[in-house]
Protein backbone atom coordinates (compact mmCIF):
# COMPACT_ATOMS: atom_id res chain seq x y z
CA MET A 1 132.82 7.35 63.53
CA LYS A 2 131.34 5.95 66.72
CA ALA A 3 133.54 4.20 69.24
CA LEU A 4 133.32 0.44 69.03
CA LYS A 5 132.07 -0.87 72.44
CA SER A 6 131.47 -4.55 71.78
CA ALA A 7 133.66 -7.31 73.23
CA LEU A 8 134.56 -8.52 69.68
CA ALA A 9 135.65 -4.98 68.80
CA LYS A 10 137.78 -4.68 71.84
CA ARG A 11 139.49 -8.13 70.97
CA VAL A 12 140.18 -6.99 67.41
CA LEU A 13 141.59 -3.65 68.55
CA ALA A 14 143.68 -5.39 71.22
CA ASP A 15 145.42 -7.50 68.56
CA PRO A 16 148.11 -5.51 66.51
CA SER A 17 147.82 -7.74 63.53
CA ALA A 18 144.02 -7.44 63.26
CA THR A 19 144.22 -3.70 63.81
CA LEU A 20 146.43 -3.34 60.91
CA GLN A 21 144.13 -5.49 58.76
CA LEU A 22 141.19 -3.40 59.89
CA ARG A 23 142.92 -0.08 59.13
CA ALA A 24 144.00 -1.32 55.76
CA TYR A 25 140.38 -2.34 54.97
CA LEU A 26 139.01 1.02 56.09
CA ALA A 27 141.66 2.89 54.12
CA SER A 28 140.79 0.97 50.95
CA LYS A 29 137.16 1.59 51.37
CA ASN A 30 137.72 5.35 52.01
CA SER A 31 139.70 5.68 48.81
CA GLN A 32 137.18 4.12 46.65
CA PRO A 33 134.55 6.39 44.99
CA SER A 34 131.41 4.55 46.16
CA LEU A 35 130.93 1.82 48.79
CA SER A 36 127.67 0.52 47.31
CA THR A 37 129.11 -0.31 43.81
CA THR A 38 132.51 -1.80 44.75
CA VAL A 39 132.78 -5.36 46.13
CA ALA A 40 135.99 -6.10 47.85
CA THR A 41 137.50 -9.52 48.06
CA ASP A 42 139.99 -8.74 50.89
CA ASP A 43 137.23 -8.07 53.36
CA VAL A 44 138.36 -10.67 56.03
CA ILE A 45 140.26 -10.13 59.25
CA SER A 46 142.07 -13.04 60.95
CA LEU A 47 142.09 -12.92 64.68
CA HIS A 48 144.26 -15.40 66.67
CA SER A 49 143.35 -16.51 70.20
CA ALA A 50 144.74 -19.18 72.43
CA GLN A 51 141.27 -20.76 73.11
CA GLU A 52 139.82 -20.72 69.50
CA GLY A 53 142.83 -20.70 67.39
CA THR A 54 142.64 -18.57 64.34
CA VAL A 55 139.27 -17.21 63.51
CA LEU A 56 138.33 -15.36 60.20
CA TYR A 57 135.82 -12.48 60.45
CA ARG A 58 134.14 -10.96 57.39
CA LEU A 59 133.83 -7.32 57.46
CA THR A 60 130.74 -5.61 56.26
CA VAL A 61 129.81 -1.95 55.71
CA VAL A 62 126.44 -1.29 57.18
CA PRO A 63 124.49 1.87 56.12
CA LYS A 64 123.92 4.34 58.77
CA ALA A 65 120.61 4.12 60.41
CA ALA A 66 118.12 7.03 59.98
């Protein structure tokens, strides 16, 4: 897996709660037999910031570019 270098990724990884949510999401995706046939309902991370309050981000698995 490539290192996440975007500003949003750095904010998510800096927040312990959001990091745990992301880790749980990735673990559930890796334990399922096929990413393309399964639709998850818990694909949202909540990130709290002082400026914006609580913001919800929807996670999406993107196929690897050729």
